[in-house]
Amino acid sequence: MTFLKKVDQNAERWLLLVFYVMLVITMAVEVLRREIFSYSSIWGEEIVRYSFIYLAWIGASAAVKERAHIRIDVLLHYLGPKVKALVYIFGDLVMFAVALVALYWSFETVLVSAKFGSVTDGLRISKVWFLAAVPLGFSLMIFRLVQSLLRDLRSLRDGTPVYEGDKLFD
């Protein structure tokens, strides 16, 4: 398997692992510091908060990739493969349009923060690094939506069943 194929398959997983480990370790250290030493820091709370924000946005991209977002699909079980593919394509196009608008406005927020030089309270780091989680998440979602659209168009063309994500229950 080539490097790019591995990155395509696992990029969100790796990023989620990094931010989750950072969140858990920082939270554990802060709890121990607070309970044992009666001392806590403001930067620990900030690292946990911003790690969680990155987790949420990267997780949203991973959910787009795996078609794991919540949806009501009762009617889809009664549709043929071509109609089902058309429904998924329509849903992806709507989500794509929303993601483009959200990407524009979230990027605008990052630019305003950069213009005024706002920094975090505890870490004293530019807020741009943390506000960038939102446009990064929407950019990843747009990338995964394009992949999904291409996959669904192939399914529509070939008449094969559309990818619906992993099933939790049958």
Protein backbone atom coordinates (compact mmCIF):
# COMPACT_ATOMS: atom_id res chain seq x y z
CA MET A 1 0.00 0.00 0.00
CA THR A 2 1.41 3.37 -0.97
CA PHE A 3 2.02 6.13 1.53
CA LEU A 4 -0.69 8.39 0.06
CA LYS A 5 -3.24 5.58 0.18
CA LYS A 6 -2.42 5.01 3.86
CA VAL A 7 -2.78 8.72 4.56
CA ASP A 8 -6.11 8.78 2.71
CA GLN A 9 -7.42 5.81 4.68
CA ASN A 10 -6.11 6.81 8.09
CA ALA A 11 -5.48 10.58 8.24
CA GLU A 12 -8.45 11.36 10.46
CA ARG A 13 -7.75 8.36 12.69
CA TRP A 14 -4.16 9.45 13.28
CA LEU A 15 -5.15 13.04 13.97
CA LEU A 16 -7.97 11.94 16.27
CA LEU A 17 -5.55 9.71 18.16
CA VAL A 18 -3.06 12.56 18.64
CA PHE A 19 -5.65 15.01 19.94
CA TYR A 20 -7.39 12.40 22.09
CA VAL A 21 -4.12 11.34 23.75
CA MET A 22 -3.19 14.99 24.30
CA LEU A 23 -6.60 15.64 25.85
CA VAL A 24 -6.52 12.61 28.17
CA ILE A 25 -2.94 13.08 29.35
CA THR A 26 -3.40 16.79 30.00
CA MET A 27 -6.66 16.19 31.82
CA ALA A 28 -5.12 13.44 33.96
CA VAL A 29 -2.12 15.61 34.84
CA GLU A 30 -4.37 18.54 35.75
CA VAL A 31 -6.61 16.37 37.95
CA LEU A 32 -3.57 14.99 39.78
CA ARG A 33 -2.10 18.46 40.19
CA ARG A 34 -5.38 19.80 41.54
CA GLU A 35 -6.09 16.90 43.92
CA ILE A 36 -2.57 16.13 45.16
CA PHE A 37 -0.84 19.51 45.02
CA SER A 38 -3.89 21.81 45.29
CA TYR A 39 -2.61 23.66 42.27
CA SER A 40 -3.92 23.87 38.74
CA SER A 41 -2.96 25.84 35.69
CA ILE A 42 -5.04 27.74 33.19
CA TRP A 43 -3.05 26.36 30.27
CA GLY A 44 -4.09 22.78 31.06
CA GLU A 45 -7.75 23.66 30.74
CA GLU A 46 -7.04 25.46 27.46
CA ILE A 47 -5.17 22.50 25.97
CA VAL A 48 -8.08 20.21 26.86
CA ARG A 49 -10.64 22.63 25.41
CA TYR A 50 -8.81 23.18 22.14
CA SER A 51 -7.96 19.48 21.77
CA PHE A 52 -11.65 18.73 22.13
CA ILE A 53 -12.51 21.30 19.45
CA TYR A 54 -10.04 19.70 17.04
CA LEU A 55 -11.43 16.27 17.94
CA ALA A 56 -14.95 17.41 17.07
CA TRP A 57 -14.08 18.89 13.67
CA ILE A 58 -11.73 16.12 12.57
CA GLY A 59 -14.29 13.60 13.81
CA ALA A 60 -16.94 15.28 11.65
CA SER A 61 -14.70 14.75 8.63
CA ALA A 62 -14.16 11.10 9.59
CA ALA A 63 -17.94 10.70 9.88
CA VAL A 64 -18.41 12.10 6.38
CA LYS A 65 -15.84 9.65 5.06
CA GLU A 66 -17.52 6.66 6.73
CA ARG A 67 -21.09 7.91 6.19
CA ALA A 68 -21.51 7.77 9.95
CA HIS A 69 -23.49 10.97 10.47
CA ILE A 70 -26.95 10.48 11.91
CA ARG A 71 -29.55 10.03 9.19
CA ILE A 72 -33.00 8.61 8.80
CA ASP A 73 -32.66 5.86 6.23
CA VAL A 74 -35.81 3.82 6.64
CA LEU A 75 -37.07 4.71 3.17
CA LEU A 76 -33.67 4.06 1.59
CA HIS A 77 -34.03 0.33 2.30
CA TYR A 78 -36.90 0.16 -0.20
CA LEU A 79 -35.11 1.97 -3.04
CA GLY A 80 -33.16 0.44 -5.89
CA PRO A 81 -29.42 1.01 -6.26
CA LYS A 82 -29.69 3.83 -8.81
CA VAL A 83 -32.33 5.81 -6.90
CA LYS A 84 -30.44 5.27 -3.66
CA ALA A 85 -27.26 6.58 -5.30
CA LEU A 86 -29.17 9.66 -6.50
CA VAL A 87 -30.45 10.30 -2.97
CA TYR A 88 -26.94 10.04 -1.54
CA ILE A 89 -25.56 12.30 -4.28
CA PHE A 90 -28.24 14.90 -3.52
CA GLY A 91 -27.42 14.74 0.21
CA ASP A 92 -23.71 15.10 -0.48
CA LEU A 93 -24.32 18.09 -2.75
CA VAL A 94 -26.43 19.82 -0.09
CA MET A 95 -23.78 19.11 2.55
CA PHE A 96 -21.09 20.32 0.13
CA ALA A 97 -22.88 23.66 -0.35
CA VAL A 98 -23.32 24.12 3.40
CA ALA A 99 -19.68 23.22 4.01
CA LEU A 100 -18.49 25.77 1.43
CA VAL A 101 -20.49 28.56 3.07
CA ALA A 102 -19.31 27.51 6.53
CA LEU A 103 -15.70 27.29 5.32
CA TYR A 104 -15.87 30.84 4.01
CA TRP A 105 -17.27 32.29 7.23
CA SER A 106 -15.04 30.26 9.52
CA PHE A 107 -11.98 31.35 7.54
CA GLU A 108 -13.20 34.93 7.90
CA THR A 109 -13.13 34.51 11.68
CA VAL A 110 -9.55 33.25 11.54
CA LEU A 111 -8.50 36.25 9.42
CA VAL A 112 -10.12 38.71 11.85
CA SER A 113 -8.32 37.05 14.76
CA ALA A 114 -5.03 37.24 12.88
CA LYS A 115 -5.61 40.88 11.99
CA PHE A 116 -6.15 41.92 15.60
CA GLY A 117 -3.55 39.56 17.08
CA SER A 118 -5.76 37.96 19.71
CA VAL A 119 -4.08 35.46 22.01
CA THR A 120 -5.33 32.85 24.45
CA ASP A 121 -5.56 33.72 28.13
CA GLY A 122 -3.31 31.02 29.57
CA LEU A 123 -0.98 29.88 26.82
CA ARG A 124 -0.55 33.37 25.29
CA ILE A 125 -0.54 31.75 21.84
CA SER A 126 -2.28 33.26 18.84
CA LYS A 127 -5.92 32.18 18.74
CA VAL A 128 -5.51 31.63 15.01
CA TRP A 129 -4.07 28.17 15.73
CA PHE A 130 -7.19 27.18 17.63
CA LEU A 131 -9.78 28.97 15.50
CA ALA A 132 -8.26 27.23 12.47
CA ALA A 133 -9.82 23.96 13.67
CA VAL A 134 -13.15 24.96 12.12
CA PRO A 135 -11.93 25.77 8.58
CA LEU A 136 -9.61 22.75 8.75
CA GLY A 137 -12.57 20.53 9.65
CA PHE A 138 -14.72 21.94 6.86
CA SER A 139 -11.84 21.62 4.38
CA LEU A 140 -11.42 17.97 5.30
CA MET A 141 -15.19 17.48 5.03
CA ILE A 142 -15.22 19.05 1.55
CA PHE A 143 -12.37 16.76 0.49
CA ARG A 144 -14.23 13.70 1.82
CA LEU A 145 -17.49 14.87 0.21
CA VAL A 146 -15.77 15.11 -3.18
CA GLN A 147 -14.48 11.56 -2.69
CA SER A 148 -17.97 10.44 -1.69
CA LEU A 149 -19.56 12.11 -4.71
CA LEU A 150 -17.10 10.44 -7.07
CA ARG A 151 -17.71 7.06 -5.41
CA ASP A 152 -21.50 7.53 -5.64
CA LEU A 153 -21.31 8.62 -9.28
CA ARG A 154 -19.37 5.43 -10.06
CA SER A 155 -22.03 3.41 -8.26
CA LEU A 156 -24.76 5.19 -10.22
CA ARG A 157 -22.96 4.60 -13.53
CA ASP A 158 -22.22 0.94 -12.80
CA GLY A 159 -25.54 0.15 -11.11
CA THR A 160 -23.70 -1.25 -8.07
CA PRO A 161 -24.92 -0.76 -4.50
CA VAL A 162 -23.91 2.60 -3.07
CA TYR A 163 -21.53 2.70 -0.10
CA GLU A 164 -23.58 3.21 3.05
CA GLY A 165 -20.90 2.94 5.71
CA ASP A 166 -20.40 0.17 8.21
CA LYS A 167 -23.52 -1.27 9.76
CA LEU A 168 -23.82 -1.36 13.54
CA PHE A 169 -26.96 -3.48 13.49
CA ASP A 170 -28.55 -5.60 10.80
